[in-house]
Protein backbone atom coordinates (compact mmCIF):
# COMPACT_ATOMS: atom_id res chain seq x y z
CA MET A 1 -9.47 -2.27 11.05
CA GLN A 2 -9.12 -2.92 14.76
CA GLU A 3 -7.93 -6.46 14.03
CA LEU A 4 -5.21 -5.25 11.67
CA GLY A 5 -4.14 -2.59 14.17
CA ALA A 6 -3.96 -5.12 16.99
CA GLU A 7 -1.98 -7.61 14.89
CA ILE A 8 0.55 -4.98 13.82
CA ALA A 9 0.81 -3.68 17.40
CA ARG A 10 1.61 -7.20 18.66
CA ASP A 11 4.32 -7.67 16.03
CA TYR A 12 5.92 -4.25 16.61
CA GLU A 13 5.53 -3.89 20.36
CA GLY A 14 8.34 -1.76 21.75
CA ARG A 15 9.30 -0.44 18.31
CA GLU A 16 8.13 2.58 16.33
CA PRO A 17 7.39 1.53 12.75
CA LEU A 18 7.11 3.94 9.84
CA LEU A 19 3.87 3.54 7.93
CA VAL A 20 4.34 4.53 4.29
CA GLY A 21 1.22 5.22 2.27
CA SER A 22 1.11 5.25 -1.48
CA LEU A 23 -0.87 8.30 -2.59
CA LYS A 24 -3.67 8.80 -3.37
CA ALA A 25 -5.80 5.71 -2.88
CA SER A 26 -4.26 4.57 0.41
CA LEU A 27 -4.92 7.88 2.18
CA VAL A 28 -8.21 6.85 3.81
CA PHE A 29 -6.94 3.39 4.73
CA ILE A 30 -3.69 4.64 6.27
CA SER A 31 -5.63 7.25 8.26
CA ASP A 32 -7.96 4.64 9.73
CA LEU A 33 -5.11 2.17 10.29
CA SER A 34 -3.07 4.82 12.07
CA ARG A 35 -5.95 5.53 14.44
CA ALA A 36 -6.39 1.79 15.08
CA LEU A 37 -2.70 1.32 15.91
CA PRO A 38 -2.16 1.63 19.69
CA ILE A 39 1.64 1.89 19.45
CA LEU A 40 3.91 4.78 18.56
CA HIS A 41 4.43 5.04 14.82
CA ALA A 42 5.26 7.60 12.16
CA LEU A 43 3.61 8.32 8.82
CA ASP A 44 5.09 9.23 5.46
CA PHE A 45 3.92 9.10 1.86
CA VAL A 46 5.15 8.33 -1.63
CA GLU A 47 3.42 8.98 -4.92
CA LEU A 48 4.18 6.89 -7.96
CA ALA A 49 3.08 6.96 -11.59
CA GLY A 50 3.23 4.26 -14.19
CA TYR A 51 4.03 5.03 -17.78
CA GLY A 52 5.27 3.49 -20.99
CA SER A 53 3.29 0.26 -21.09
CA ALA A 54 2.28 0.65 -24.74
CA GLN A 55 5.49 2.38 -25.79
CA MET A 56 7.72 -0.11 -23.94
CA GLY A 57 6.26 -3.23 -25.53
CA GLY A 58 3.92 -3.93 -22.64
CA HIS A 59 6.45 -3.24 -19.86
CA GLU A 60 5.23 -0.52 -17.56
CA GLN A 61 7.84 1.72 -15.99
CA ILE A 62 7.36 3.38 -12.61
CA ARG A 63 8.46 6.88 -11.73
CA VAL A 64 8.46 8.61 -8.37
CA LEU A 65 6.37 11.79 -8.16
CA LYS A 66 6.89 12.22 -4.40
CA ASP A 67 9.56 10.42 -2.40
CA LEU A 68 9.72 9.87 1.34
CA ASP A 69 10.64 12.72 3.64
CA ALA A 70 11.82 10.32 6.37
CA ASP A 71 15.09 8.41 6.47
CA VAL A 72 14.31 4.68 6.64
CA ARG A 73 17.80 3.49 7.58
CA GLY A 74 17.49 1.14 10.55
CA ARG A 75 13.69 1.55 10.75
CA ASP A 76 10.83 -0.89 10.49
CA VAL A 77 8.89 0.13 7.38
CA ILE A 78 5.29 -0.92 6.78
CA VAL A 79 4.11 -0.14 3.27
CA VAL A 80 0.38 0.59 3.37
CA GLU A 81 -1.33 -0.34 0.10
CA ASP A 82 -4.92 0.07 -0.95
CA VAL A 83 -4.79 -3.04 -3.15
CA VAL A 84 -2.10 -5.51 -4.15
CA ASP A 85 -2.68 -7.47 -7.32
CA THR A 86 0.17 -7.90 -9.84
CA GLY A 87 2.66 -6.82 -7.18
CA LEU A 88 4.72 -4.72 -9.58
CA THR A 89 4.27 -1.45 -7.70
CA LEU A 90 4.81 -3.00 -4.29
CA ASN A 91 7.89 -4.83 -5.56
CA TYR A 92 9.30 -1.53 -6.84
CA LEU A 93 8.69 0.16 -3.48
CA VAL A 94 10.14 -2.69 -1.44
CA ARG A 95 13.29 -2.92 -3.59
CA THR A 96 13.73 0.86 -3.47
CA PHE A 97 13.38 0.96 0.31
CA GLU A 98 15.70 -2.04 0.81
CA LEU A 99 18.49 -0.06 -0.87
CA ARG A 100 18.12 2.48 1.94
CA GLU A 101 18.92 -0.16 4.60
CA PRO A 102 15.78 -0.31 6.75
CA ARG A 103 15.58 -2.77 9.63
CA SER A 104 12.63 -4.46 7.92
CA VAL A 105 10.07 -3.89 5.16
CA VAL A 106 6.63 -5.50 5.09
CA ALA A 107 3.29 -4.56 3.59
CA VAL A 108 -0.29 -4.27 4.73
CA THR A 109 -3.07 -4.11 2.16
CA LEU A 110 -6.75 -3.44 2.48
CA LEU A 111 -7.61 -5.52 -0.59
CA ASP A 112 -5.58 -8.41 -1.95
CA ARG A 113 -5.77 -10.23 -5.28
CA PRO A 114 -3.06 -12.89 -4.88
CA TYR A 115 -4.25 -14.79 -7.97
CA ARG A 116 -3.07 -11.85 -10.16
CA ARG A 117 0.54 -11.82 -8.91
CA LEU A 118 3.29 -11.37 -11.45
CA VAL A 119 5.91 -11.07 -8.69
CA ASP A 120 6.72 -13.80 -6.19
CA ASP A 121 8.15 -13.23 -2.74
CA LEU A 122 6.25 -10.06 -1.84
CA PRO A 123 6.33 -9.23 1.87
CA VAL A 124 2.52 -8.88 2.22
CA ARG A 125 2.18 -9.72 5.90
CA TYR A 126 -1.21 -8.17 6.72
CA VAL A 127 -4.34 -8.46 4.56
CA GLY A 128 -7.75 -6.91 5.13
CA PHE A 129 -9.74 -8.79 2.48
CA VAL A 130 -9.04 -11.07 -0.47
CA VAL A 131 -11.35 -9.82 -3.23
CA PRO A 132 -12.40 -10.86 -6.73
CA ASP A 133 -11.02 -9.17 -9.82
CA GLU A 134 -13.62 -6.41 -9.83
CA LEU A 135 -13.50 -2.62 -9.70
CA PHE A 136 -14.19 -0.84 -6.43
CA VAL A 137 -14.72 2.86 -5.70
CA GLY A 138 -15.00 4.77 -2.44
CA TYR A 139 -12.88 4.67 0.70
CA GLY A 140 -10.07 6.28 -1.30
CA PHE A 141 -10.50 4.18 -4.46
CA ASP A 142 -11.42 6.11 -7.58
CA LEU A 143 -12.67 5.79 -11.11
CA ASP A 144 -11.20 8.59 -13.22
CA GLU A 145 -10.45 10.58 -10.02
CA GLN A 146 -14.09 10.38 -8.88
CA TRP A 147 -15.83 8.63 -5.98
CA ARG A 148 -12.85 8.62 -3.58
CA GLN A 149 -14.92 10.49 -0.99
CA LEU A 150 -17.52 7.74 -0.50
CA PRO A 151 -17.25 6.47 3.09
CA ASP A 152 -17.16 2.80 2.12
CA LEU A 153 -16.34 0.52 -0.79
CA HIS A 154 -18.74 0.09 -3.68
CA LEU A 155 -18.52 -2.46 -6.47
CA VAL A 156 -18.69 -0.82 -9.90
CA ALA A 157 -20.91 -2.50 -12.44
CA GLU A 158 -19.55 -2.87 -15.98
CA VAL A 159 -17.78 0.30 -17.13
C-alpha cells in the first residue's frame, strides 16, 4: 500500500486529486490507500449495479445507485477499484466522468486480471497485484454479502 501511495503522490505532487471509490468492495482499499497517500486529496463514492444480462441477450447494463457528490470539472480523478477484469464497469465510470470535463481520469486497482479484458484503452495506471481468475473474499471482497470484514484476502475454494 505504501508503494502505491508513494507512486501516486509523486505523480500528483502539488495537486489535490479526487479519489473515487466504487462501493462496496473498494471501501477498505480506498481507506488504506487514503492513509498511505501523503498529499492532499479528497474522497467520494459511487455505487453501481449491473442488470439485464440474461434479459438483454447477454449484454449487461449498468445503473447508478449513488452518484458523486463532488464536481469533477477541472479535477484530477483517480478511480479506486477493488478489481478490474473485463473492464466494463471501469469503462462506464471513466466515460461518465469524462463527460463532466475533469482534468484527468485514471484508475488504481488492488487486483488486476488484464487477461479478461473486454475493453481496450482503460486508464489503469496503478496496480497492486495481477491475480489469477479465482474468487477472493475479505478486505472488502464478498461472497453473497459475507466475509467483507476479514482483515486480509482469502482464496475461496470451489463454490
